[in-house]
Amino acid sequence: MKSSTFHVAPSFGVLIVAGLIPMLSSAHHSFASEFDINQPFQIEGVVNSIQWTNPHGWLHVDVEENGATVTYDFELASPNSLIRRGWSRNDLQPGDTVIVSGHRARNRPTVARARGISRANGEAVFGGGVRDESDDE
């Protein structure tokens, strides 16, 4: 009986794709599954760092609370989406004082989705769609 790699290859491909599905689905989430639209808030603090990474960028802001420094982590849109909306990698730097508004994560009090970012003087750095509800990041 003659065996053929043509019968093995499709089965192997199906196994690889099936193994990737859980990883892909865990990397993507909807706004409502992670963030609470009923928990808007605003903080003022100092930019600790910015990560321009996929699938979402992150803005880390240090805030003084009760004599201690607390780092808030703000999820942003993807770098490509931010650039298309006019935001540059150089618009914020570590050490800049910012005011960030957003919606808190459902189960992590120092994590949020950013909605608007401005400098301490009120100058908008970015806003009005850092996270649009139609954004399918």
Protein backbone atom coordinates (compact mmCIF):
# COMPACT_ATOMS: atom_id res chain seq x y z
CA MET A 1 0.00 0.00 0.00
CA LYS A 2 1.35 3.34 -1.01
CA SER A 3 1.10 6.28 1.47
CA SER A 4 0.98 9.81 0.29
CA THR A 5 2.05 13.03 1.97
CA PHE A 6 -0.92 14.68 0.27
CA HIS A 7 -3.23 13.02 2.80
CA VAL A 8 -1.09 14.04 5.78
CA ALA A 9 -0.44 17.67 4.77
CA PRO A 10 -4.10 18.85 4.86
CA SER A 11 -4.64 17.22 8.25
CA PHE A 12 -1.51 18.85 9.60
CA GLY A 13 -2.65 22.25 8.28
CA VAL A 14 -6.03 21.89 9.97
CA LEU A 15 -4.30 21.10 13.29
CA ILE A 16 -2.09 24.18 13.01
CA VAL A 17 -5.04 26.49 12.26
CA ALA A 18 -7.09 24.94 15.09
CA GLY A 19 -4.20 25.56 17.46
CA LEU A 20 -3.95 29.22 16.47
CA ILE A 21 -7.62 30.07 17.00
CA PRO A 22 -7.42 30.32 20.82
CA MET A 23 -4.35 32.56 20.60
CA LEU A 24 -5.96 34.87 18.07
CA SER A 25 -9.21 35.17 19.99
CA SER A 26 -7.45 35.94 23.27
CA ALA A 27 -5.47 38.75 21.61
CA HIS A 28 -8.63 40.50 20.48
CA HIS A 29 -11.42 41.76 22.67
CA SER A 30 -14.41 44.03 22.41
CA PHE A 31 -14.62 47.29 24.33
CA ALA A 32 -17.68 46.15 26.30
CA SER A 33 -16.09 42.88 27.38
CA GLU A 34 -13.19 44.59 29.13
CA PHE A 35 -14.18 48.21 29.82
CA ASP A 36 -17.23 49.69 31.53
CA ILE A 37 -18.87 52.58 29.65
CA ASN A 38 -20.55 53.48 32.97
CA GLN A 39 -17.19 54.06 34.68
CA PRO A 40 -15.75 57.17 33.02
CA PHE A 41 -12.98 58.90 34.91
CA GLN A 42 -10.15 61.39 34.51
CA ILE A 43 -6.67 61.58 36.01
CA GLU A 44 -3.77 64.01 35.87
CA GLY A 45 -0.27 62.63 36.03
CA VAL A 46 3.13 62.27 34.42
CA VAL A 47 3.80 60.10 31.38
CA ASN A 48 5.89 57.15 32.49
CA SER A 49 6.11 55.47 29.08
CA ILE A 50 4.27 54.91 25.82
CA GLN A 51 4.18 51.63 23.95
CA TRP A 52 3.41 51.72 20.25
CA THR A 53 2.59 48.02 19.97
CA ASN A 54 0.00 45.90 18.20
CA PRO A 55 -2.79 45.11 18.61
CA HIS A 56 -3.09 48.13 20.97
CA GLY A 57 -0.78 50.89 22.07
CA TRP A 58 -0.46 51.69 25.78
CA LEU A 59 0.06 54.93 27.69
CA HIS A 60 1.41 54.54 31.24
CA VAL A 61 0.81 57.52 33.53
CA ASP A 62 2.14 57.94 37.08
CA VAL A 63 -0.29 59.59 39.50
CA GLU A 64 0.35 60.66 43.10
CA GLU A 65 -2.36 59.18 45.33
CA ASN A 66 -2.22 59.36 49.13
CA GLY A 67 1.55 59.90 49.09
CA ALA A 68 2.25 56.96 46.78
CA THR A 69 2.85 56.76 43.04
CA VAL A 70 0.24 54.69 41.21
CA THR A 71 0.74 53.83 37.54
CA TYR A 72 -2.39 53.86 35.39
CA ASP A 73 -2.27 51.88 32.16
CA PHE A 74 -4.38 53.29 29.31
CA GLU A 75 -5.11 51.14 26.30
CA LEU A 76 -5.01 53.02 23.00
CA ALA A 77 -5.93 52.09 19.45
CA SER A 78 -3.34 50.36 17.29
CA PRO A 79 -0.36 52.49 16.21
CA ASN A 80 -1.63 52.47 12.63
CA SER A 81 -5.04 53.78 13.76
CA LEU A 82 -3.42 56.48 15.91
CA ILE A 83 -1.25 57.64 13.01
CA ARG A 84 -4.25 57.70 10.65
CA ARG A 85 -6.03 59.90 13.19
CA GLY A 86 -3.15 62.35 13.30
CA TRP A 87 -1.23 61.26 16.37
CA SER A 88 2.57 61.13 16.12
CA ARG A 89 4.96 59.04 18.20
CA ASN A 90 6.59 62.32 19.29
CA ASP A 91 3.42 64.03 20.58
CA LEU A 92 4.05 62.80 24.13
CA GLN A 93 7.28 62.03 25.91
CA PRO A 94 8.06 60.51 29.31
CA GLY A 95 7.96 63.30 31.87
CA ASP A 96 5.11 65.22 30.18
CA THR A 97 2.21 66.10 32.48
CA VAL A 98 -1.09 64.97 30.98
CA ILE A 99 -4.78 64.76 31.75
CA VAL A 100 -6.30 61.52 30.49
CA SER A 101 -9.98 60.66 30.38
CA GLY A 102 -11.23 57.19 29.75
CA HIS A 103 -13.31 54.26 30.93
CA ARG A 104 -12.08 51.90 33.62
CA ALA A 105 -11.57 48.21 33.06
CA ARG A 106 -14.25 46.06 34.63
CA ASN A 107 -11.90 44.18 36.93
CA ARG A 108 -8.65 46.19 37.11
CA PRO A 109 -8.91 49.61 38.83
CA THR A 110 -5.72 51.08 37.34
CA VAL A 111 -6.40 49.99 33.75
CA ALA A 112 -8.61 51.96 31.37
CA ARG A 113 -9.32 52.67 27.73
CA ALA A 114 -8.24 56.24 26.87
CA ARG A 115 -10.82 58.58 25.33
CA GLY A 116 -8.98 61.89 25.43
CA ILE A 117 -5.51 63.14 26.28
CA SER A 118 -4.47 66.72 26.92
CA ARG A 119 -1.51 68.57 28.40
CA ALA A 120 -1.78 70.16 31.84
CA ASN A 121 -2.49 73.54 30.16
CA GLY A 122 -5.56 72.05 28.44
CA GLU A 123 -4.02 71.72 24.97
CA ALA A 124 -5.46 68.61 23.36
CA VAL A 125 -2.86 66.04 22.43
CA PHE A 126 -5.47 63.64 21.20
CA GLY A 127 -9.15 63.15 21.74
CA GLY A 128 -12.50 62.51 20.24
CA GLY A 129 -11.87 58.98 19.22
CA VAL A 130 -8.85 57.50 20.90
CA ARG A 131 -11.45 54.76 21.20
CA ASP A 132 -14.48 54.99 18.99
CA GLU A 133 -17.22 52.44 19.56
CA SER A 134 -16.95 51.57 15.86
CA ASP A 135 -13.24 50.83 16.28
CA ASP A 136 -12.69 47.13 15.79
CA GLU A 137 -9.10 46.90 16.97
